[in-house]
């Protein structure tokens, strides 16, 4: 028999490894339903053991579990920037470990049931925080863990990914409580009851999901799309080529697939990477070249990523994200999507959910005086990007097709994406550049998460990625066609419009909001009423 010290260490290791092995796109998400149990047992054992510095031990053990999870699943960030990857892994692990320390502190004074309710509400509230604060990093929100098993989670159209998070925690809590009961009073009845309850809680949602998957369909118009994958190396080529050369590249790649029935050509994020002065674009040679190309195909809509810059010397125009050239010269930098068609009106949307450190400087008022103008380089240009509050939707020249121009990292945010649908988008586009992380899990996970947005909104997706994986995804989350990573070319296919609104689009992250109120309520009870553990 191992000593208690090594028992809790091994339990923490098991939790970390289980979480890591459950994650897409290489793992099996069934492990998520038991992954937290070893760590909960370790916390319980330490809480009831003799000794000092229990809080520090809980934090250290939790940190070990979450460090393994973060390191295995997101260490691909190192290919862009080692410091940025280290910061993401170390800090996110610490935040997760802090949750368990808070739970430990609460559980010392409260009943087991109330403490576990507190933990679940605390975790879900933390995941919501990771979606809205300036240090946002929701990559490991638990509901994302089922993105490769879409036949299990068709009910995300009602709950969003927080339904998955709640599902994971319900099973973990149920089995953990059963283990404690069995340790105190071994009984076959406990085992039988737990197996039955766990099977019901696991299989019923999966069964409902399968039924939805098999029966789901929607009526809409077919849109003929061409998705481009230029496969340009962002480290050596992308920012060293002129926009006019990229314009020629766009035409050359498209021509092999382009027909008179083509409705959309979709090119990736910052396809035109050479920053264009925003007021000058309407009279630029680039726009003229693109418009000439479109005139040869009157039904065509061209949706592409582009970098814009807008300089000014009026201090009254300064925004939160404005950058400074010199003492009296400022500029706004836009990671934008534009759409051009026969109308010659340029529709523009500016990326608004930004990558921490490269595209935004979090909490400038606090951090800038301490560390100066510091930005983490995770690839691309290092400057604050100017955003917009409104989720813009692009309307085709025939006014029947309305595209959501989702840019890269924005596709990880479920409630954020519903904003496009509420603004009448009847299909989604995702334009991205996933080349920064080489042939790793990064681009695979990013594609996989897009499938969640299709289910939540019941919208088909046309996804253009610079190096891949470019794909067409239907409203059930199936990847119907794709180009392999690193393959240069164009993908042609159809997406079907949908004008119906899902419950999740209407309600958003209501599970997270309810969890926050539960957290506040249970916290107040814990403050005014102090109870001891039953075990």
Protein backbone atom coordinates (compact mmCIF):
# COMPACT_ATOMS: atom_id res chain seq x y z
CA UNK A 1 0.00 0.00 0.00
CA UNK A 2 1.40 3.38 -0.99
CA UNK A 3 1.58 6.16 1.54
CA UNK A 4 -1.12 8.85 1.52
CA UNK A 5 1.39 11.34 0.14
CA UNK A 6 1.96 9.27 -2.97
CA UNK A 7 -1.69 8.33 -3.28
CA UNK A 8 -2.83 11.90 -3.73
CA UNK A 9 0.05 12.57 -6.12
CA UNK A 10 -0.97 9.61 -8.27
CA UNK A 11 -4.61 10.67 -8.14
CA UNK A 12 -3.66 14.12 -9.42
CA UNK A 13 -1.62 12.54 -12.21
CA UNK A 14 -4.56 10.35 -13.23
CA UNK A 15 -6.88 13.37 -13.47
CA UNK A 16 -4.44 15.34 -15.59
CA UNK A 17 -3.74 12.44 -17.94
CA UNK A 18 -7.45 11.61 -18.25
CA UNK A 19 -8.33 15.19 -19.18
CA UNK A 20 -5.53 15.30 -21.73
CA UNK A 21 -6.50 11.96 -23.30
CA UNK A 22 -10.13 13.03 -23.58
CA UNK A 23 -9.50 16.07 -25.77
CA UNK A 24 -10.12 16.47 -29.50
CA UNK A 25 -8.88 15.67 -32.00
CA UNK A 26 -6.95 12.63 -30.82
CA UNK A 27 -8.75 11.65 -27.60
CA UNK A 28 -11.92 9.96 -26.38
CA UNK A 29 -14.33 12.28 -24.55
CA UNK A 30 -15.87 9.50 -22.44
CA UNK A 31 -12.91 10.06 -20.11
CA UNK A 32 -14.24 13.53 -19.29
CA UNK A 33 -17.06 11.98 -17.28
CA UNK A 34 -14.61 10.52 -14.75
CA UNK A 35 -11.54 12.74 -15.16
CA UNK A 36 -12.17 14.97 -12.14
CA UNK A 37 -12.96 12.13 -9.72
CA UNK A 38 -9.32 11.30 -8.79
CA UNK A 39 -8.59 14.97 -8.07
CA UNK A 40 -11.78 15.29 -6.01
CA UNK A 41 -10.72 12.22 -4.03
CA UNK A 42 -7.26 13.70 -3.47
CA UNK A 43 -8.78 16.94 -2.19
CA UNK A 44 -11.17 15.02 0.08
CA UNK A 45 -8.35 12.89 1.49
CA UNK A 46 -6.16 15.90 2.25
CA UNK A 47 -9.06 17.87 3.72
CA UNK A 48 -9.68 15.12 6.29
CA UNK A 49 -6.03 14.28 6.96
CA UNK A 50 -3.82 15.58 9.74
CA UNK A 51 -1.26 18.18 8.84
CA UNK A 52 -0.65 21.79 7.94
CA UNK A 53 -0.61 23.80 4.71
CA UNK A 54 -3.47 21.82 3.25
CA UNK A 55 -4.44 24.68 0.99
CA UNK A 56 -0.97 24.82 -0.53
CA UNK A 57 -1.00 21.07 -1.11
CA UNK A 58 -4.42 21.24 -2.76
CA UNK A 59 -3.24 24.03 -5.04
CA UNK A 60 -0.06 22.13 -5.95
CA UNK A 61 -1.89 18.89 -6.74
CA UNK A 62 -4.57 20.68 -8.73
CA UNK A 63 -1.91 22.61 -10.58
CA UNK A 64 -0.20 19.35 -11.53
CA UNK A 65 -3.45 17.97 -13.00
CA UNK A 66 -4.30 21.10 -14.95
CA UNK A 67 -0.73 21.69 -16.07
CA UNK A 68 -0.70 18.24 -17.71
CA UNK A 69 -4.04 18.96 -19.38
CA UNK A 70 -3.01 22.41 -20.64
CA UNK A 71 0.45 21.30 -21.73
CA UNK A 72 -0.65 18.27 -23.73
CA UNK A 73 -3.59 19.99 -25.43
CA UNK A 74 -2.26 23.50 -26.15
CA UNK A 75 1.54 23.29 -26.25
CA UNK A 76 1.29 23.71 -30.04
CA UNK A 77 1.32 27.45 -29.29
CA UNK A 78 5.09 27.12 -28.87
CA UNK A 79 5.55 26.97 -32.64
CA UNK A 80 4.53 30.62 -32.83
CA UNK A 81 6.07 31.94 -29.62
CA UNK A 82 7.58 30.03 -26.69
CA UNK A 83 6.90 32.79 -24.17
CA UNK A 84 3.28 33.14 -25.28
CA UNK A 85 2.75 29.38 -25.06
CA UNK A 86 4.37 29.23 -21.63
CA UNK A 87 2.23 32.10 -20.38
CA UNK A 88 -0.98 30.47 -21.63
CA UNK A 89 -0.19 27.05 -20.14
CA UNK A 90 1.19 28.24 -16.80
CA UNK A 91 -1.39 30.93 -16.09
CA UNK A 92 -4.43 28.96 -17.22
CA UNK A 93 -3.30 26.00 -15.10
CA UNK A 94 -2.95 28.32 -12.12
CA UNK A 95 -6.43 29.77 -12.60
CA UNK A 96 -7.96 26.29 -12.74
CA UNK A 97 -6.01 25.21 -9.66
CA UNK A 98 -7.25 28.32 -7.87
CA UNK A 99 -10.82 27.13 -8.44
CA UNK A 100 -10.07 23.91 -6.57
CA UNK A 101 -8.42 25.85 -3.76
CA UNK A 102 -11.55 28.00 -3.41
CA UNK A 103 -13.67 24.84 -3.44
CA UNK A 104 -11.43 23.32 -0.74
CA UNK A 105 -11.83 26.41 1.45
CA UNK A 106 -15.61 26.34 1.02
CA UNK A 107 -15.89 22.57 1.56
CA UNK A 108 -14.15 22.75 4.95
CA UNK A 109 -17.20 24.55 6.38
CA UNK A 110 -20.12 23.20 4.33
CA UNK A 111 -21.93 19.95 3.55
CA UNK A 112 -20.68 17.78 0.72
CA UNK A 113 -23.71 18.40 -1.50
CA UNK A 114 -23.57 22.15 -1.08
CA UNK A 115 -19.82 22.17 -1.65
CA UNK A 116 -20.11 20.20 -4.89
CA UNK A 117 -22.90 22.46 -6.12
CA UNK A 118 -20.59 25.39 -5.33
CA UNK A 119 -17.76 23.78 -7.34
CA UNK A 120 -19.89 23.10 -10.41
CA UNK A 121 -21.32 26.63 -10.40
CA UNK A 122 -17.83 28.05 -9.83
CA UNK A 123 -16.34 26.10 -12.75
CA UNK A 124 -19.09 27.06 -15.18
CA UNK A 125 -18.83 30.71 -14.10
CA UNK A 126 -15.07 30.52 -14.70
CA UNK A 127 -15.65 29.17 -18.21
CA UNK A 128 -18.02 32.07 -18.87
CA UNK A 129 -15.40 34.49 -17.56
CA UNK A 130 -12.95 33.00 -20.05
CA UNK A 131 -15.37 33.97 -22.82
CA UNK A 132 -15.82 37.61 -21.83
CA UNK A 133 -12.79 39.03 -20.03
CA UNK A 134 -9.72 40.53 -21.71
CA UNK A 135 -7.51 37.53 -20.84
CA UNK A 136 -10.00 35.34 -22.69
CA UNK A 137 -8.82 31.78 -23.41
CA UNK A 138 -11.83 29.42 -23.68
CA UNK A 139 -9.98 26.75 -25.67
CA UNK A 140 -10.33 24.20 -22.85
CA UNK A 141 -13.91 24.88 -21.85
CA UNK A 142 -15.24 21.39 -21.18
CA UNK A 143 -18.13 21.54 -23.64
CA UNK A 144 -15.58 21.84 -26.47
CA UNK A 145 -14.36 18.34 -25.65
CA UNK A 146 -17.15 16.69 -27.68
CA UNK A 147 -16.47 18.56 -30.92
CA UNK A 148 -15.37 15.39 -32.76
CA UNK A 149 -18.37 13.41 -31.50
CA UNK A 150 -21.14 15.51 -32.95
CA UNK A 151 -23.66 12.66 -32.85
CA UNK A 152 -23.51 12.91 -29.03
CA UNK A 153 -24.31 16.62 -28.78
CA UNK A 154 -26.95 17.61 -31.31
CA UNK A 155 -28.84 19.11 -28.36
CA UNK A 156 -26.23 21.90 -28.27
CA UNK A 157 -28.76 23.77 -30.40
CA UNK A 158 -30.65 24.17 -27.09
CA UNK A 159 -27.80 24.50 -24.56
CA UNK A 160 -24.61 25.53 -26.35
CA UNK A 161 -21.32 24.13 -25.06
CA UNK A 162 -22.25 24.88 -21.45
CA UNK A 163 -24.69 22.00 -21.72
CA UNK A 164 -21.67 19.78 -22.31
CA UNK A 165 -19.81 21.26 -19.36
CA UNK A 166 -22.79 20.66 -17.06
CA UNK A 167 -23.13 17.11 -18.41
CA UNK A 168 -19.48 16.38 -17.58
CA UNK A 169 -19.78 17.70 -14.05
CA UNK A 170 -23.04 15.91 -13.24
CA UNK A 171 -21.45 12.53 -14.03
CA UNK A 172 -18.23 13.34 -12.16
CA UNK A 173 -20.13 14.46 -9.05
CA UNK A 174 -22.48 11.48 -9.11
CA UNK A 175 -19.68 8.92 -9.32
CA UNK A 176 -17.48 10.78 -6.81
CA UNK A 177 -20.26 10.79 -4.22
CA UNK A 178 -20.84 7.08 -4.84
CA UNK A 179 -17.14 6.34 -4.28
CA UNK A 180 -17.26 8.19 -0.95
CA UNK A 181 -20.39 6.33 0.10
CA UNK A 182 -18.84 3.00 -0.83
CA UNK A 183 -15.65 3.79 1.11
CA UNK A 184 -17.69 4.51 4.24
CA UNK A 185 -20.12 1.60 3.86
CA UNK A 186 -19.25 -0.91 1.10
CA UNK A 187 -22.39 -2.22 -0.56
CA UNK A 188 -23.32 -3.81 -3.88
CA UNK A 189 -26.46 -1.69 -3.80
CA UNK A 190 -24.35 1.47 -4.10
CA UNK A 191 -22.47 0.05 -7.10
CA UNK A 192 -25.66 -1.07 -8.83
CA UNK A 193 -27.45 2.22 -8.21
CA UNK A 194 -24.49 4.26 -9.43
CA UNK A 195 -24.06 2.19 -12.60
CA UNK A 196 -27.75 2.56 -13.45
CA UNK A 197 -27.85 6.32 -12.77
CA UNK A 198 -24.61 6.90 -14.68
CA UNK A 199 -25.81 4.88 -17.64
CA UNK A 200 -29.07 6.83 -17.77
CA UNK A 201 -27.33 10.21 -17.49
CA UNK A 202 -24.83 9.22 -20.16
CA UNK A 203 -26.94 7.28 -22.64
CA UNK A 204 -30.19 9.25 -22.60
CA UNK A 205 -28.57 12.52 -23.84
CA UNK A 206 -26.62 10.53 -26.44
CA UNK A 207 -29.78 8.73 -27.53
CA UNK A 208 -31.68 12.01 -27.84
CA UNK A 209 -28.77 13.42 -29.84
CA UNK A 210 -28.74 10.46 -32.22
CA UNK A 211 -32.48 10.85 -32.77
CA UNK A 212 -32.03 14.55 -33.58
CA UNK A 213 -29.09 13.80 -35.85
CA UNK A 214 -30.99 11.19 -37.85
CA UNK A 215 -34.13 13.29 -38.22
CA UNK A 216 -32.73 16.79 -38.63
CA UNK A 217 -33.12 18.58 -41.95
CA UNK A 218 -33.91 22.08 -43.09
CA UNK A 219 -35.10 23.66 -46.28
CA UNK A 220 -33.20 26.47 -47.90
CA UNK A 221 -31.50 27.70 -51.03
CA UNK A 222 -28.30 26.11 -52.29
CA UNK A 223 -25.29 28.42 -52.53
CA UNK A 224 -22.40 27.44 -54.79
CA UNK A 225 -19.18 28.35 -53.01
CA UNK A 226 -15.49 28.15 -53.75
CA UNK A 227 -13.25 28.09 -50.69
CA UNK A 228 -9.63 29.05 -51.29
CA UNK A 229 -6.60 27.56 -49.57
CA UNK A 230 -3.53 29.42 -50.93
CA UNK A 231 -1.07 27.70 -48.55
CA UNK A 232 1.17 30.71 -48.03
CA UNK A 233 3.87 30.51 -45.35
CA UNK A 234 3.17 33.46 -43.01
CA UNK A 235 6.72 33.46 -41.69
CA UNK A 236 8.52 33.77 -45.05
CA UNK A 237 6.01 34.71 -47.78
CA UNK A 238 2.73 36.19 -46.64
CA UNK A 239 4.00 39.57 -45.47
CA UNK A 240 6.59 39.88 -48.23
CA UNK A 241 4.21 39.78 -51.21
CA UNK A 242 2.21 42.69 -52.58
CA UNK A 243 -1.56 42.70 -52.57
CA UNK A 244 -1.58 42.80 -56.38
CA UNK A 245 0.33 39.51 -56.48
CA UNK A 246 -2.19 38.04 -54.09
CA UNK A 247 -4.95 39.32 -56.35
CA UNK A 248 -3.41 37.36 -59.23
CA UNK A 249 -3.05 34.32 -56.98
CA UNK A 250 -6.73 34.52 -56.05
CA UNK A 251 -7.75 34.52 -59.70
CA UNK A 252 -5.39 31.67 -60.61
CA UNK A 253 -6.58 29.38 -57.81
CA UNK A 254 -10.24 30.20 -58.41
CA UNK A 255 -10.31 29.73 -62.17
CA UNK A 256 -10.09 25.94 -62.03
CA UNK A 257 -13.35 25.75 -60.07
CA UNK A 258 -15.16 28.92 -61.15
CA UNK A 259 -18.36 28.58 -63.17
CA UNK A 260 -21.26 30.84 -64.09
CA UNK A 261 -23.25 29.37 -61.21
CA UNK A 262 -20.66 30.22 -58.55
CA UNK A 263 -22.17 32.51 -55.91
CA UNK A 264 -19.25 33.02 -53.52
CA UNK A 265 -15.48 32.90 -53.54
CA UNK A 266 -14.15 32.89 -49.98
CA UNK A 267 -10.49 33.67 -49.27
CA UNK A 268 -8.77 33.38 -45.85
CA UNK A 269 -8.04 35.82 -43.07
CA UNK A 270 -5.65 38.67 -44.03
CA UNK A 271 -5.32 37.17 -47.51
CA UNK A 272 -4.38 40.71 -48.53
CA UNK A 273 -1.81 41.18 -45.78
CA UNK A 274 -0.15 44.36 -47.04
CA UNK A 275 -1.92 47.05 -44.99
CA UNK A 276 -4.15 49.27 -47.12
CA UNK A 277 -4.96 52.83 -46.12
CA UNK A 278 -8.67 52.58 -45.41
CA UNK A 279 -9.83 55.86 -47.04
CA UNK A 280 -7.78 55.10 -50.16
CA UNK A 281 -9.05 51.56 -50.75
CA UNK A 282 -12.09 52.61 -52.79
CA UNK A 283 -9.79 54.20 -55.39
CA UNK A 284 -7.00 51.65 -55.17
CA UNK A 285 -5.61 49.50 -57.97
CA UNK A 286 -6.32 46.44 -55.82
CA UNK A 287 -10.05 47.19 -55.66
CA UNK A 288 -10.11 47.97 -59.37
CA UNK A 289 -8.49 44.60 -60.17
CA UNK A 290 -10.94 42.72 -57.99
CA UNK A 291 -13.95 44.56 -59.45
CA UNK A 292 -12.82 43.75 -62.99
CA UNK A 293 -12.62 40.09 -62.02
CA UNK A 294 -16.15 40.23 -60.55
CA UNK A 295 -17.59 41.99 -63.61
CA UNK A 296 -16.67 38.96 -65.68
CA UNK A 297 -18.88 36.92 -63.33
CA UNK A 298 -21.88 39.15 -62.48
CA UNK A 299 -23.42 36.78 -59.88
CA UNK A 300 -20.17 36.46 -57.96
CA UNK A 301 -19.61 37.66 -54.38
CA UNK A 302 -15.99 37.81 -53.22
CA UNK A 303 -15.46 37.53 -49.46
CA UNK A 304 -11.88 37.87 -48.28
CA UNK A 305 -9.69 38.88 -45.39
CA UNK A 306 -7.67 42.09 -45.61
CA UNK A 307 -5.53 44.34 -43.42
CA UNK A 308 -6.59 47.97 -43.19
CA UNK A 309 -4.92 50.89 -41.50
CA UNK A 310 -6.36 54.32 -40.81
CA UNK A 311 -4.01 57.14 -39.74
CA UNK A 312 -5.10 60.42 -38.17
CA UNK A 313 -3.78 63.29 -36.06
CA UNK A 314 -6.98 64.32 -34.30
CA UNK A 315 -6.74 63.16 -30.65
CA UNK A 316 -10.54 63.20 -30.42
CA UNK A 317 -10.63 60.15 -32.70
CA UNK A 318 -8.50 58.01 -30.38
CA UNK A 319 -10.17 54.74 -29.34
CA UNK A 320 -9.20 52.20 -26.72
CA UNK A 321 -7.41 50.08 -29.34
CA UNK A 322 -5.72 52.98 -31.17
CA UNK A 323 -1.97 52.71 -31.73
CA UNK A 324 0.47 55.63 -31.76
CA UNK A 325 3.05 56.35 -34.46
CA UNK A 326 4.49 59.49 -32.95
CA UNK A 327 3.59 62.30 -30.59
CA UNK A 328 0.80 63.67 -32.80
CA UNK A 329 0.06 60.78 -35.19
CA UNK A 330 -2.13 57.77 -34.40
CA UNK A 331 -3.53 54.84 -36.34
CA UNK A 332 -6.26 52.23 -36.12
CA UNK A 333 -5.27 48.77 -37.34
CA UNK A 334 -8.06 46.50 -38.65
CA UNK A 335 -8.03 42.76 -39.21
CA UNK A 336 -11.01 42.96 -41.54
CA UNK A 337 -13.24 40.97 -43.83
CA UNK A 338 -14.69 42.61 -46.92
CA UNK A 339 -17.14 41.54 -49.58
CA UNK A 340 -17.30 42.86 -53.12
CA UNK A 341 -19.86 42.11 -55.81
CA UNK A 342 -21.53 43.70 -58.82
CA UNK A 343 -23.00 46.48 -56.69
CA UNK A 344 -19.46 47.90 -56.23
CA UNK A 345 -20.34 48.64 -52.59
CA UNK A 346 -17.63 47.33 -50.28
CA UNK A 347 -19.07 45.66 -47.19
CA UNK A 348 -16.64 45.56 -44.26
CA UNK A 349 -16.50 43.80 -40.91
CA UNK A 350 -13.66 44.23 -38.39
CA UNK A 351 -12.51 41.30 -36.28
CA UNK A 352 -13.80 41.93 -32.78
CA UNK A 353 -12.86 38.91 -30.66
CA UNK A 354 -9.12 39.25 -30.51
CA UNK A 355 -6.18 37.03 -29.65
CA UNK A 356 -4.69 38.07 -26.31
CA UNK A 357 -1.24 39.59 -26.58
CA UNK A 358 -0.95 39.83 -30.35
CA UNK A 359 -4.16 41.61 -31.30
CA UNK A 360 -5.10 43.21 -28.00
CA UNK A 361 -3.32 44.46 -24.91
CA UNK A 362 -5.47 43.33 -21.95
CA UNK A 363 -6.26 45.82 -19.20
CA UNK A 364 -4.02 48.55 -20.56
CA UNK A 365 -4.86 51.03 -17.81
CA UNK A 366 -3.41 48.68 -15.21
CA UNK A 367 -0.67 46.83 -17.08
CA UNK A 368 0.75 49.49 -19.37
CA UNK A 369 2.24 51.59 -16.54
CA UNK A 370 3.84 48.41 -15.15
CA UNK A 371 5.26 46.70 -18.26
CA UNK A 372 5.07 49.35 -20.98
CA UNK A 373 3.95 48.71 -24.57
CA UNK A 374 4.47 44.95 -24.35
CA UNK A 375 2.79 42.60 -26.82
CA UNK A 376 3.25 38.83 -27.06
CA UNK A 377 4.21 37.73 -30.57
CA UNK A 378 2.07 34.72 -31.50
CA UNK A 379 2.65 35.21 -35.21
CA UNK A 380 1.56 37.88 -37.68
CA UNK A 381 1.60 41.59 -37.01
CA UNK A 382 2.00 42.83 -33.47
CA UNK A 383 -0.39 45.73 -32.97
CA UNK A 384 -3.65 46.48 -31.21
CA UNK A 385 -6.57 45.78 -33.54
CA UNK A 386 -9.58 48.07 -33.68
CA UNK A 387 -12.89 46.25 -33.23
CA UNK A 388 -16.59 46.91 -33.68
CA UNK A 389 -19.59 46.20 -31.44
CA UNK A 390 -21.95 45.14 -34.22
CA UNK A 391 -21.82 41.63 -35.74
CA UNK A 392 -21.89 42.65 -39.38
CA UNK A 393 -23.51 40.41 -41.98
CA UNK A 394 -22.66 40.52 -45.69
CA UNK A 395 -25.55 40.51 -48.18
CA UNK A 396 -25.10 39.02 -51.66
CA UNK A 397 -25.79 40.98 -54.83
CA UNK A 398 -29.11 39.16 -55.29
CA UNK A 399 -30.03 39.96 -51.62
CA UNK A 400 -30.94 36.32 -50.90
CA UNK A 401 -27.72 35.14 -49.24
CA UNK A 402 -26.47 36.63 -45.99
CA UNK A 403 -23.02 35.53 -44.84
CA UNK A 404 -21.57 35.79 -41.35
CA UNK A 405 -17.91 36.89 -41.81
CA UNK A 406 -16.41 35.13 -38.78
CA UNK A 407 -12.68 35.77 -38.51
CA UNK A 408 -10.38 33.11 -37.04
CA UNK A 409 -10.46 33.07 -33.20
CA UNK A 410 -14.03 34.40 -33.18
CA UNK A 411 -15.26 30.94 -34.19
CA UNK A 412 -14.39 29.60 -30.71
CA UNK A 413 -17.06 31.81 -29.08
CA UNK A 414 -20.54 30.30 -29.22
CA UNK A 415 -22.70 33.17 -27.97
CA UNK A 416 -20.59 35.63 -29.96
CA UNK A 417 -21.34 33.76 -33.20
CA UNK A 418 -25.08 33.79 -32.45
CA UNK A 419 -24.89 37.57 -32.90
CA UNK A 420 -24.42 37.12 -36.64
CA UNK A 421 -27.45 34.83 -36.81
CA UNK A 422 -29.60 37.26 -34.85
CA UNK A 423 -28.56 39.79 -37.49
CA UNK A 424 -30.08 37.51 -40.14
CA UNK A 425 -27.08 35.53 -41.38
CA UNK A 426 -28.43 32.45 -43.15
CA UNK A 427 -25.05 30.74 -43.48
CA UNK A 428 -21.66 31.11 -41.80
CA UNK A 429 -18.22 31.67 -43.23
CA UNK A 430 -15.02 31.30 -41.25
CA UNK A 431 -11.83 32.82 -42.62
CA UNK A 432 -8.67 32.00 -40.75
CA UNK A 433 -4.90 31.58 -40.89
CA UNK A 434 -3.87 28.51 -38.91
CA UNK A 435 -0.36 28.30 -40.34
CA UNK A 436 1.38 29.65 -37.25
CA UNK A 437 1.35 26.31 -35.43
CA UNK A 438 2.63 23.96 -38.16
CA UNK A 439 1.30 20.39 -38.39
CA UNK A 440 0.01 20.16 -34.80
CA UNK A 441 -3.28 19.77 -32.95
CA UNK A 442 -3.85 23.55 -33.09
CA UNK A 443 -5.39 23.78 -36.56
CA UNK A 444 -7.20 20.45 -36.11
CA UNK A 445 -8.87 21.57 -32.88
CA UNK A 446 -9.78 24.92 -34.43
CA UNK A 447 -11.58 23.18 -37.28
CA UNK A 448 -13.25 20.78 -34.88
CA UNK A 449 -14.64 23.61 -32.75
CA UNK A 450 -16.27 25.10 -35.87
CA UNK A 451 -18.54 22.06 -35.94
CA UNK A 452 -20.01 23.18 -32.60
CA UNK A 453 -21.02 26.53 -34.11
CA UNK A 454 -22.85 24.73 -36.93
CA UNK A 455 -24.90 22.70 -34.44
CA UNK A 456 -25.62 25.63 -32.10
CA UNK A 457 -26.89 27.85 -34.90
CA UNK A 458 -28.00 25.17 -37.43
CA UNK A 459 -26.11 27.01 -40.11
CA UNK A 460 -23.90 25.50 -42.82
CA UNK A 461 -20.31 26.74 -42.76
CA UNK A 462 -17.83 27.49 -45.54
CA UNK A 463 -14.37 27.63 -43.93
CA UNK A 464 -11.33 29.09 -45.71
CA UNK A 465 -7.98 28.55 -43.98
CA UNK A 466 -4.70 29.79 -45.43
CA UNK A 467 -2.88 26.48 -45.02
CA UNK A 468 -5.86 24.38 -43.99
CA UNK A 469 -7.97 22.76 -43.01
CA UNK A 470 -10.47 24.41 -45.37
CA UNK A 471 -13.85 22.71 -45.28
CA UNK A 472 -17.56 22.76 -45.85
CA UNK A 473 -19.57 21.82 -42.76
CA UNK A 474 -23.29 21.16 -42.73
CA UNK A 475 -25.79 22.25 -40.08
CA UNK A 476 -25.43 18.94 -38.22
CA UNK A 477 -21.68 19.47 -37.83
CA UNK A 478 -20.62 16.97 -40.49
CA UNK A 479 -17.52 17.92 -42.50
CA UNK A 480 -18.85 17.13 -45.97
CA UNK A 481 -15.66 18.02 -47.86
CA UNK A 482 -12.24 19.46 -47.05
CA UNK A 483 -8.72 20.17 -48.26
CA UNK A 484 -5.86 18.60 -46.34
CA UNK A 485 -3.52 20.79 -44.31
CA UNK A 486 -0.72 22.17 -46.50
CA UNK A 487 -2.59 21.50 -49.74
CA UNK A 488 -2.81 24.43 -52.14
CA UNK A 489 -6.04 24.72 -54.06
CA UNK A 490 -9.73 25.51 -54.09
CA UNK A 491 -12.65 23.58 -52.66
CA UNK A 492 -15.99 23.85 -54.45
CA UNK A 493 -19.29 22.77 -53.01
CA UNK A 494 -22.66 23.88 -51.75
CA UNK A 495 -24.02 25.25 -48.50
CA UNK A 496 -27.72 25.45 -47.76
CA UNK A 497 -29.25 28.58 -46.25
CA UNK A 498 -31.38 28.44 -43.10
CA UNK A 499 -33.55 31.22 -41.69
CA UNK A 500 -34.80 29.39 -38.60
CA UNK A 501 -33.50 30.42 -35.18
CA UNK A 502 -32.43 27.84 -32.58
CA UNK A 503 -33.20 28.15 -28.89
CA UNK A 504 -29.52 28.70 -28.16
CA UNK A 505 -29.34 31.60 -30.62
CA UNK A 506 -32.25 33.20 -28.73
CA UNK A 507 -31.11 32.40 -25.18
CA UNK A 508 -27.32 32.37 -25.46
CA UNK A 509 -25.24 31.15 -22.52
CA UNK A 510 -28.18 30.96 -20.12
CA UNK A 511 -26.67 27.95 -18.29
CA UNK A 512 -23.64 30.07 -17.40
CA UNK A 513 -25.81 32.95 -16.24
CA UNK A 514 -27.91 30.64 -14.05
CA UNK A 515 -24.72 29.11 -12.67
CA UNK A 516 -23.42 32.53 -11.69
CA UNK A 517 -26.57 33.29 -9.69
CA UNK A 518 -26.36 29.84 -8.07
CA UNK A 519 -22.73 30.56 -7.19
CA UNK A 520 -23.64 33.86 -5.55
CA UNK A 521 -26.57 32.28 -3.67
CA UNK A 522 -24.56 29.28 -2.42
CA UNK A 523 -21.65 31.57 -1.49
CA UNK A 524 -23.94 33.72 0.63
CA UNK A 525 -25.32 30.64 2.36
CA UNK A 526 -21.78 29.53 3.02
CA UNK A 527 -20.94 32.90 4.53
CA UNK A 528 -23.92 33.03 6.90
CA UNK A 529 -24.27 29.30 7.68
CA UNK A 530 -21.35 27.09 8.57
CA UNK A 531 -21.83 23.35 8.57
CA UNK A 532 -19.46 20.46 8.99
CA UNK A 533 -18.87 17.60 6.63
CA UNK A 534 -21.03 14.51 6.97
CA UNK A 535 -18.14 12.22 6.08
